């Protein structure tokens, strides 16, 4: 699954972040000793998309910096994925606006059900 912008563009976060997953994971700050990212790499046999999914799930399970849409967007920018960050921001406005009848907030926490939106 993926998010969709108001213009109908599909935003595939996992696929887009996969090659940057270790840098992204380091910025999530859930692994000060560096072991968790290595465990994910070994467990997922260095397959970037699977590693990325596991990293996101670990983050959504409450590890590291708060799992908010704003944090996701900021880290995407820090990983030089500004175009993807802008697409996520646009898709978030579209998604939340349609669900609530108004614009949503980036400060809202991601939750485990949000994970399916990231894939």
C-alpha atoms as a PDB file:
ATOM      1  CA  UNK A   1       0.000   0.000   0.000  1.00  0.00           C
ATOM      2  CA  UNK A   2       0.998   3.602  -0.344  1.00  0.00           C
ATOM      3  CA  UNK A   3      -0.211   7.130   0.200  1.00  0.00           C
ATOM      4  CA  UNK A   4      -1.783   9.181  -2.569  1.00  0.00           C
ATOM      5  CA  UNK A   5      -1.467  12.930  -3.104  1.00  0.00           C
ATOM      6  CA  UNK A   6      -4.374  15.167  -4.081  1.00  0.00           C
ATOM      7  CA  UNK A   7      -3.114  14.911  -7.661  1.00  0.00           C
ATOM      8  CA  UNK A   8      -3.375  11.119  -7.569  1.00  0.00           C
ATOM      9  CA  UNK A   9       0.377  10.473  -7.365  1.00  0.00           C
ATOM     10  CA  UNK A  10       1.308   7.324  -5.432  1.00  0.00           C
ATOM     11  CA  UNK A  11       3.874   7.868  -2.669  1.00  0.00           C
ATOM     12  CA  UNK A  12       5.714   4.621  -1.949  1.00  0.00           C
ATOM     13  CA  UNK A  13       7.703   5.376   1.169  1.00  0.00           C
ATOM     14  CA  UNK A  14       9.294   1.975   1.835  1.00  0.00           C
ATOM     15  CA  UNK A  15      10.461   1.552  -1.753  1.00  0.00           C
ATOM     16  CA  UNK A  16      11.857   5.085  -1.829  1.00  0.00           C
ATOM     17  CA  UNK A  17      13.633   4.918   1.538  1.00  0.00           C
ATOM     18  CA  UNK A  18      14.944   1.351   1.164  1.00  0.00           C
ATOM     19  CA  UNK A  19      18.384   2.231  -0.230  1.00  0.00           C
ATOM     20  CA  UNK A  20      18.801   4.837   2.543  1.00  0.00           C
ATOM     21  CA  UNK A  21      17.420   2.705   5.359  1.00  0.00           C
ATOM     22  CA  UNK A  22      20.572   2.644   7.533  1.00  0.00           C
ATOM     23  CA  UNK A  23      21.005   6.428   7.382  1.00  0.00           C
ATOM     24  CA  UNK A  24      17.299   6.853   8.071  1.00  0.00           C
ATOM     25  CA  UNK A  25      17.476   4.411  10.992  1.00  0.00           C
ATOM     26  CA  UNK A  26      20.437   6.242  12.511  1.00  0.00           C
ATOM     27  CA  UNK A  27      18.394   9.464  12.519  1.00  0.00           C
ATOM     28  CA  UNK A  28      15.526   7.747  14.357  1.00  0.00           C
ATOM     29  CA  UNK A  29      17.867   7.623  17.368  1.00  0.00           C
ATOM     30  CA  UNK A  30      16.585   4.322  18.704  1.00  0.00           C
ATOM     31  CA  UNK A  31      19.918   2.607  18.578  1.00  0.00           C
ATOM     32  CA  UNK A  32      22.681   4.519  20.395  1.00  0.00           C
ATOM     33  CA  UNK A  33      25.010   1.512  20.370  1.00  0.00           C
ATOM     34  CA  UNK A  34      24.401   0.714  16.713  1.00  0.00           C
ATOM     35  CA  UNK A  35      23.350  -2.893  17.280  1.00  0.00           C
ATOM     36  CA  UNK A  36      19.686  -2.735  16.248  1.00  0.00           C
ATOM     37  CA  UNK A  37      20.411  -1.730  12.646  1.00  0.00           C
ATOM     38  CA  UNK A  38      22.961  -4.530  12.344  1.00  0.00           C
ATOM     39  CA  UNK A  39      20.500  -7.033  13.812  1.00  0.00           C
ATOM     40  CA  UNK A  40      17.899  -5.919  11.269  1.00  0.00           C
ATOM     41  CA  UNK A  41      20.451  -6.202   8.448  1.00  0.00           C
ATOM     42  CA  UNK A  42      21.406  -9.751   9.445  1.00  0.00           C
ATOM     43  CA  UNK A  43      17.832 -10.859  10.141  1.00  0.00           C
ATOM     44  CA  UNK A  44      16.568  -9.529   6.819  1.00  0.00           C
ATOM     45  CA  UNK A  45      19.654 -10.761   4.944  1.00  0.00           C
ATOM     46  CA  UNK A  46      20.568  -7.249   3.787  1.00  0.00           C
ATOM     47  CA  UNK A  47      17.436  -7.000   1.585  1.00  0.00           C
ATOM     48  CA  UNK A  48      16.867  -3.220   1.598  1.00  0.00           C
ATOM     49  CA  UNK A  49      13.053  -3.197   1.444  1.00  0.00           C
ATOM     50  CA  UNK A  50      12.718  -5.834   4.169  1.00  0.00           C
ATOM     51  CA  UNK A  51      15.295  -4.041   6.329  1.00  0.00           C
ATOM     52  CA  UNK A  52      13.390  -0.802   5.840  1.00  0.00           C
ATOM     53  CA  UNK A  53      10.079  -2.413   6.832  1.00  0.00           C
ATOM     54  CA  UNK A  54      11.633  -3.885   9.986  1.00  0.00           C
ATOM     55  CA  UNK A  55      13.250  -0.562  10.869  1.00  0.00           C
ATOM     56  CA  UNK A  56       9.929   1.290  10.496  1.00  0.00           C
ATOM     57  CA  UNK A  57       8.128  -1.346  12.560  1.00  0.00           C
ATOM     58  CA  UNK A  58      10.715  -1.086  15.347  1.00  0.00           C
ATOM     59  CA  UNK A  59      10.254   2.695  15.333  1.00  0.00           C
ATOM     60  CA  UNK A  60       6.454   2.435  15.358  1.00  0.00           C
ATOM     61  CA  UNK A  61       6.716   0.047  18.307  1.00  0.00           C
ATOM     62  CA  UNK A  62       7.881   3.018  20.384  1.00  0.00           C
ATOM     63  CA  UNK A  63      11.641   3.000  20.018  1.00  0.00           C
ATOM     64  CA  UNK A  64      13.616   6.198  19.372  1.00  0.00           C
ATOM     65  CA  UNK A  65      12.297   9.648  18.596  1.00  0.00           C
ATOM     66  CA  UNK A  66       8.513  10.087  18.682  1.00  0.00           C
ATOM     67  CA  UNK A  67       6.883   8.439  15.677  1.00  0.00           C
ATOM     68  CA  UNK A  68       5.077  11.426  14.189  1.00  0.00           C
ATOM     69  CA  UNK A  69       4.429  12.404  10.602  1.00  0.00           C
ATOM     70  CA  UNK A  70       6.504  15.517  11.246  1.00  0.00           C
ATOM     71  CA  UNK A  71       9.477  13.419  12.372  1.00  0.00           C
ATOM     72  CA  UNK A  72       9.135  11.230   9.287  1.00  0.00           C
ATOM     73  CA  UNK A  73       9.093  14.289   7.019  1.00  0.00           C
ATOM     74  CA  UNK A  74      12.087  15.889   8.780  1.00  0.00           C
ATOM     75  CA  UNK A  75      14.164  12.720   8.553  1.00  0.00           C
ATOM     76  CA  UNK A  76      13.306  12.308   4.879  1.00  0.00           C
ATOM     77  CA  UNK A  77      14.645  15.833   4.329  1.00  0.00           C
ATOM     78  CA  UNK A  78      17.800  15.028   6.326  1.00  0.00           C
ATOM     79  CA  UNK A  79      18.370  11.989   4.101  1.00  0.00           C
ATOM     80  CA  UNK A  80      18.174  14.263   1.038  1.00  0.00           C
ATOM     81  CA  UNK A  81      14.754  12.943   0.115  1.00  0.00           C
ATOM     82  CA  UNK A  82      13.065  16.359   0.058  1.00  0.00           C
ATOM     83  CA  UNK A  83      10.857  15.518  -2.907  1.00  0.00           C
ATOM     84  CA  UNK A  84       9.547  12.442  -1.085  1.00  0.00           C
ATOM     85  CA  UNK A  85       9.079  14.531   2.092  1.00  0.00           C
ATOM     86  CA  UNK A  86       6.964  17.027   0.143  1.00  0.00           C
ATOM     87  CA  UNK A  87       4.922  14.189  -1.390  1.00  0.00           C
ATOM     88  CA  UNK A  88       4.284  12.662   2.048  1.00  0.00           C
ATOM     89  CA  UNK A  89       3.229  16.062   3.375  1.00  0.00           C
ATOM     90  CA  UNK A  90       0.820  16.526   0.458  1.00  0.00           C
ATOM     91  CA  UNK A  91      -0.550  12.982   0.784  1.00  0.00           C
ATOM     92  CA  UNK A  92      -1.004  13.456   4.530  1.00  0.00           C
ATOM     93  CA  UNK A  93      -3.099  16.575   3.939  1.00  0.00           C
ATOM     94  CA  UNK A  94      -5.154  14.703   1.341  1.00  0.00           C
ATOM     95  CA  UNK A  95      -5.619  11.611   3.555  1.00  0.00           C
ATOM     96  CA  UNK A  96      -6.476  13.441   6.751  1.00  0.00           C
ATOM     97  CA  UNK A  97      -8.627  15.988   4.988  1.00  0.00           C
ATOM     98  CA  UNK A  98     -10.754  13.271   3.458  1.00  0.00           C
ATOM     99  CA  UNK A  99     -11.044  11.406   6.775  1.00  0.00           C
ATOM    100  CA  UNK A 100     -11.866  14.436   8.918  1.00  0.00           C
ATOM    101  CA  UNK A 101     -13.305  16.947   6.511  1.00  0.00           C
ATOM    102  CA  UNK A 102     -10.404  19.266   7.305  1.00  0.00           C
ATOM    103  CA  UNK A 103      -6.637  19.435   7.116  1.00  0.00           C
ATOM    104  CA  UNK A 104      -4.744  17.165   9.476  1.00  0.00           C
ATOM    105  CA  UNK A 105      -1.648  17.735  11.559  1.00  0.00           C
ATOM    106  CA  UNK A 106       1.895  16.508  11.043  1.00  0.00           C
ATOM    107  CA  UNK A 107       2.360  16.350  14.821  1.00  0.00           C
ATOM    108  CA  UNK A 108      -0.072  13.459  14.999  1.00  0.00           C
ATOM    109  CA  UNK A 109       1.514  10.219  16.105  1.00  0.00           C
ATOM    110  CA  UNK A 110       1.906   7.404  13.657  1.00  0.00           C
ATOM    111  CA  UNK A 111       0.366   4.200  14.950  1.00  0.00           C
ATOM    112  CA  UNK A 112       0.791   0.559  13.965  1.00  0.00           C
ATOM    113  CA  UNK A 113      -2.091   0.828  11.520  1.00  0.00           C
ATOM    114  CA  UNK A 114      -0.224   3.723   9.877  1.00  0.00           C
ATOM    115  CA  UNK A 115       2.519   1.261   8.986  1.00  0.00           C
ATOM    116  CA  UNK A 116       0.429  -0.175   6.175  1.00  0.00           C
ATOM    117  CA  UNK A 117       0.242   3.362   4.765  1.00  0.00           C
ATOM    118  CA  UNK A 118       4.037   3.489   4.569  1.00  0.00           C
ATOM    119  CA  UNK A 119       4.405   0.382   2.428  1.00  0.00           C
END
